[in-house]
């Protein structure tokens, strides 16, 4: 069974990548019994919606240009070096 810290981490991760079947089941079971984490899930959803609306109002919708490739590469290298520490 997941603890709240792991459940909140998975909830955030779910917006960035698909969760494995095991992660999904564990998260769903945790959310069934934890009111606090259900509230956190609702807050994350509201924040995502608000950010999406802000992006759309500033012309940063799905068709907006993305991050420059060199910037993305630099960030990925930095993240990889931090994971190796």
N, C-alpha and C. Protein backbone atom coordinates (compact mmCIF):
# COMPACT_ATOMS: atom_id res chain seq x y z
N UNK A 1 0.85 -1.18 0.00
CA UNK A 1 0.00 0.00 0.00
C UNK A 1 0.89 1.24 0.00
N UNK A 2 0.51 2.21 -0.82
CA UNK A 2 1.25 3.46 -0.90
C UNK A 2 1.03 4.32 0.34
N UNK A 3 2.06 5.09 0.69
CA UNK A 3 1.85 6.12 1.71
C UNK A 3 1.48 7.43 0.98
N UNK A 4 1.12 8.44 1.73
CA UNK A 4 0.67 9.70 1.14
C UNK A 4 1.75 10.37 0.29
N UNK A 5 2.99 10.30 0.75
CA UNK A 5 4.08 10.92 0.00
C UNK A 5 4.21 10.27 -1.38
N UNK A 6 4.20 8.95 -1.43
CA UNK A 6 4.31 8.25 -2.71
C UNK A 6 3.09 8.48 -3.58
N UNK A 7 1.92 8.52 -2.96
CA UNK A 7 0.68 8.75 -3.72
C UNK A 7 0.68 10.14 -4.35
N UNK A 8 1.11 11.14 -3.60
CA UNK A 8 1.13 12.49 -4.17
C UNK A 8 2.16 12.59 -5.29
N UNK A 9 3.27 11.90 -5.13
CA UNK A 9 4.29 11.88 -6.19
C UNK A 9 3.71 11.25 -7.46
N UNK A 10 3.02 10.13 -7.32
CA UNK A 10 2.42 9.47 -8.48
C UNK A 10 1.35 10.33 -9.13
N UNK A 11 0.59 11.05 -8.32
CA UNK A 11 -0.42 11.92 -8.89
C UNK A 11 0.22 12.98 -9.77
N UNK A 12 1.33 13.53 -9.34
CA UNK A 12 2.04 14.52 -10.15
C UNK A 12 2.64 13.88 -11.39
N UNK A 13 3.23 12.71 -11.22
CA UNK A 13 3.84 11.99 -12.33
C UNK A 13 2.82 11.65 -13.41
N UNK A 14 1.60 11.38 -13.02
CA UNK A 14 0.56 10.99 -13.97
C UNK A 14 0.29 12.07 -15.01
N UNK A 15 0.61 13.32 -14.70
CA UNK A 15 0.44 14.40 -15.66
C UNK A 15 1.62 14.47 -16.63
N UNK A 16 2.70 13.81 -16.31
CA UNK A 16 3.90 13.86 -17.13
C UNK A 16 4.13 12.60 -17.95
N UNK A 17 3.63 11.47 -17.46
CA UNK A 17 3.86 10.19 -18.14
C UNK A 17 2.73 9.23 -17.78
N UNK A 18 2.53 8.21 -18.62
CA UNK A 18 1.53 7.21 -18.25
C UNK A 18 2.04 6.37 -17.08
N UNK A 19 1.19 6.11 -16.13
CA UNK A 19 1.56 5.27 -15.00
C UNK A 19 1.43 3.81 -15.40
N UNK A 20 2.28 2.98 -14.80
CA UNK A 20 2.17 1.54 -15.05
C UNK A 20 0.87 1.03 -14.42
N UNK A 21 0.46 -0.16 -14.81
CA UNK A 21 -0.77 -0.75 -14.25
C UNK A 21 -0.64 -0.88 -12.74
N UNK A 22 0.52 -1.29 -12.28
CA UNK A 22 0.74 -1.44 -10.83
C UNK A 22 0.62 -0.09 -10.11
N UNK A 23 1.21 0.95 -10.69
CA UNK A 23 1.13 2.28 -10.10
C UNK A 23 -0.32 2.77 -10.07
N UNK A 24 -1.04 2.56 -11.16
CA UNK A 24 -2.44 3.00 -11.22
C UNK A 24 -3.29 2.32 -10.16
N UNK A 25 -3.11 1.01 -10.02
CA UNK A 25 -3.90 0.26 -9.03
C UNK A 25 -3.55 0.72 -7.62
N UNK A 26 -2.26 0.86 -7.34
CA UNK A 26 -1.84 1.31 -6.02
C UNK A 26 -2.39 2.68 -5.68
N UNK A 27 -2.35 3.57 -6.66
CA UNK A 27 -2.85 4.93 -6.45
C UNK A 27 -4.36 4.92 -6.23
N UNK A 28 -5.08 4.18 -7.04
CA UNK A 28 -6.53 4.11 -6.89
C UNK A 28 -6.92 3.55 -5.52
N UNK A 29 -6.22 2.51 -5.08
CA UNK A 29 -6.51 1.94 -3.76
C UNK A 29 -6.24 2.97 -2.66
N UNK A 30 -5.15 3.68 -2.78
CA UNK A 30 -4.81 4.68 -1.77
C UNK A 30 -5.87 5.78 -1.74
N UNK A 31 -6.29 6.23 -2.92
CA UNK A 31 -7.27 7.31 -3.00
C UNK A 31 -8.63 6.89 -2.43
N UNK A 32 -8.92 5.59 -2.48
CA UNK A 32 -10.18 5.11 -1.90
C UNK A 32 -10.24 5.34 -0.39
N UNK A 33 -9.07 5.28 0.25
CA UNK A 33 -9.07 5.37 1.72
C UNK A 33 -8.53 6.69 2.26
N UNK A 34 -7.96 7.53 1.40
CA UNK A 34 -7.30 8.74 1.90
C UNK A 34 -7.98 10.00 1.38
N UNK A 35 -8.70 10.65 2.24
CA UNK A 35 -9.41 11.88 1.89
C UNK A 35 -8.43 13.01 1.53
N UNK A 36 -7.34 13.09 2.25
CA UNK A 36 -6.35 14.14 2.00
C UNK A 36 -5.75 14.04 0.60
N UNK A 37 -5.44 12.85 0.17
CA UNK A 37 -4.86 12.66 -1.17
C UNK A 37 -5.90 12.87 -2.26
N UNK A 38 -7.15 12.56 -1.97
CA UNK A 38 -8.21 12.88 -2.94
C UNK A 38 -8.32 14.40 -3.10
N UNK A 39 -8.20 15.11 -2.01
CA UNK A 39 -8.21 16.58 -2.08
C UNK A 39 -7.02 17.10 -2.87
N UNK A 40 -5.87 16.50 -2.66
CA UNK A 40 -4.68 16.89 -3.40
C UNK A 40 -4.88 16.65 -4.90
N UNK A 41 -5.50 15.52 -5.27
CA UNK A 41 -5.78 15.21 -6.67
C UNK A 41 -6.68 16.28 -7.28
N UNK A 42 -7.67 16.71 -6.53
CA UNK A 42 -8.57 17.75 -7.01
C UNK A 42 -7.83 19.07 -7.20
N UNK A 43 -6.95 19.40 -6.26
CA UNK A 43 -6.16 20.63 -6.38
C UNK A 43 -5.25 20.59 -7.60
N UNK A 44 -4.60 19.44 -7.83
CA UNK A 44 -3.74 19.31 -9.02
C UNK A 44 -4.55 19.52 -10.29
N UNK A 45 -5.73 18.94 -10.32
CA UNK A 45 -6.57 19.08 -11.50
C UNK A 45 -6.95 20.54 -11.73
N UNK A 46 -7.32 21.23 -10.68
CA UNK A 46 -7.70 22.64 -10.80
C UNK A 46 -6.51 23.50 -11.24
N UNK A 47 -5.35 23.22 -10.72
CA UNK A 47 -4.14 23.96 -11.11
C UNK A 47 -3.84 23.73 -12.58
N UNK A 48 -3.95 22.48 -13.05
CA UNK A 48 -3.71 22.17 -14.46
C UNK A 48 -4.68 22.93 -15.35
N UNK A 49 -5.96 22.94 -14.95
CA UNK A 49 -6.96 23.66 -15.73
C UNK A 49 -6.64 25.15 -15.78
N UNK A 50 -6.27 25.73 -14.66
CA UNK A 50 -5.96 27.16 -14.61
C UNK A 50 -4.75 27.48 -15.49
N UNK A 51 -3.73 26.66 -15.43
CA UNK A 51 -2.54 26.88 -16.24
C UNK A 51 -2.87 26.77 -17.72
N UNK A 52 -3.71 25.81 -18.07
CA UNK A 52 -4.10 25.64 -19.47
C UNK A 52 -4.85 26.87 -19.95
N UNK A 53 -5.73 27.39 -19.12
CA UNK A 53 -6.50 28.59 -19.51
C UNK A 53 -5.57 29.80 -19.67
N UNK A 54 -4.60 29.93 -18.80
CA UNK A 54 -3.65 31.04 -18.91
C UNK A 54 -2.86 30.91 -20.20
N UNK A 55 -2.37 29.70 -20.48
CA UNK A 55 -1.62 29.47 -21.71
C UNK A 55 -2.45 29.81 -22.94
N UNK A 56 -3.71 29.39 -22.94
CA UNK A 56 -4.58 29.66 -24.08
C UNK A 56 -4.84 31.15 -24.24
N UNK A 57 -5.00 31.85 -23.12
CA UNK A 57 -5.27 33.29 -23.20
C UNK A 57 -4.05 34.08 -23.68
N UNK A 58 -2.88 33.52 -23.50
CA UNK A 58 -1.65 34.18 -23.96
C UNK A 58 -1.18 33.65 -25.30
N UNK A 59 -2.03 32.87 -25.96
CA UNK A 59 -1.65 32.33 -27.26
C UNK A 59 -0.62 31.23 -27.17
N UNK A 60 -0.63 30.49 -26.08
CA UNK A 60 0.35 29.42 -25.89
C UNK A 60 -0.35 28.06 -25.91
N UNK A 61 -1.34 27.90 -26.77
CA UNK A 61 -2.09 26.65 -26.86
C UNK A 61 -1.25 25.53 -27.42
N UNK A 62 -1.93 24.46 -27.79
CA UNK A 62 -1.25 23.25 -28.27
C UNK A 62 -0.44 23.50 -29.55
N UNK A 63 -0.83 24.49 -30.34
CA UNK A 63 -0.12 24.75 -31.59
C UNK A 63 1.00 25.78 -31.44
N UNK A 64 1.24 26.25 -30.22
CA UNK A 64 2.30 27.23 -29.99
C UNK A 64 3.67 26.57 -30.17
N UNK A 65 4.66 27.36 -30.55
CA UNK A 65 6.00 26.78 -30.71
C UNK A 65 6.53 26.25 -29.38
N UNK A 66 7.26 25.16 -29.45
CA UNK A 66 7.78 24.52 -28.24
C UNK A 66 9.11 25.09 -27.82
N UNK A 67 9.71 24.43 -26.87
CA UNK A 67 11.01 24.81 -26.35
C UNK A 67 12.07 24.56 -27.42
N UNK A 68 13.02 25.46 -27.56
CA UNK A 68 14.10 25.22 -28.53
C UNK A 68 14.83 23.92 -28.21
N UNK A 69 15.21 23.15 -29.25
CA UNK A 69 15.84 21.85 -29.03
C UNK A 69 17.10 21.92 -28.17
N UNK A 70 17.93 22.97 -28.34
CA UNK A 70 19.15 23.06 -27.55
C UNK A 70 18.85 23.27 -26.07
N UNK A 71 17.78 24.00 -25.77
CA UNK A 71 17.39 24.22 -24.38
C UNK A 71 16.90 22.91 -23.77
N UNK A 72 16.11 22.18 -24.52
CA UNK A 72 15.61 20.89 -24.04
C UNK A 72 16.77 19.93 -23.77
N UNK A 73 17.73 19.88 -24.68
CA UNK A 73 18.90 19.01 -24.51
C UNK A 73 19.69 19.39 -23.27
N UNK A 74 19.88 20.68 -23.06
CA UNK A 74 20.63 21.15 -21.89
C UNK A 74 19.92 20.76 -20.59
N UNK A 75 18.61 20.91 -20.56
CA UNK A 75 17.84 20.57 -19.36
C UNK A 75 17.91 19.08 -19.09
N UNK A 76 17.75 18.27 -20.15
CA UNK A 76 17.81 16.81 -19.98
C UNK A 76 19.18 16.36 -19.47
N UNK A 77 20.25 16.98 -19.97
CA UNK A 77 21.60 16.64 -19.50
C UNK A 77 21.76 17.00 -18.03
N UNK A 78 21.25 18.15 -17.64
CA UNK A 78 21.34 18.58 -16.25
C UNK A 78 20.56 17.63 -15.33
N UNK A 79 19.38 17.24 -15.75
CA UNK A 79 18.59 16.30 -14.96
C UNK A 79 19.29 14.96 -14.82
N UNK A 80 19.87 14.49 -15.92
CA UNK A 80 20.59 13.21 -15.89
C UNK A 80 21.78 13.27 -14.94
N UNK A 81 22.49 14.41 -14.92
CA UNK A 81 23.64 14.52 -14.03
C UNK A 81 23.20 14.57 -12.57
N UNK A 82 22.03 15.16 -12.30
CA UNK A 82 21.52 15.24 -10.93
C UNK A 82 21.08 13.85 -10.44
N UNK A 83 20.55 13.01 -11.34
CA UNK A 83 20.12 11.68 -10.94
C UNK A 83 21.32 10.79 -10.62
N UNK A 84 22.46 11.08 -11.25
CA UNK A 84 23.66 10.30 -11.03
C UNK A 84 24.35 10.63 -9.71
N UNK A 85 23.97 11.72 -9.07
CA UNK A 85 24.64 12.15 -7.82
C UNK A 85 24.22 11.31 -6.66
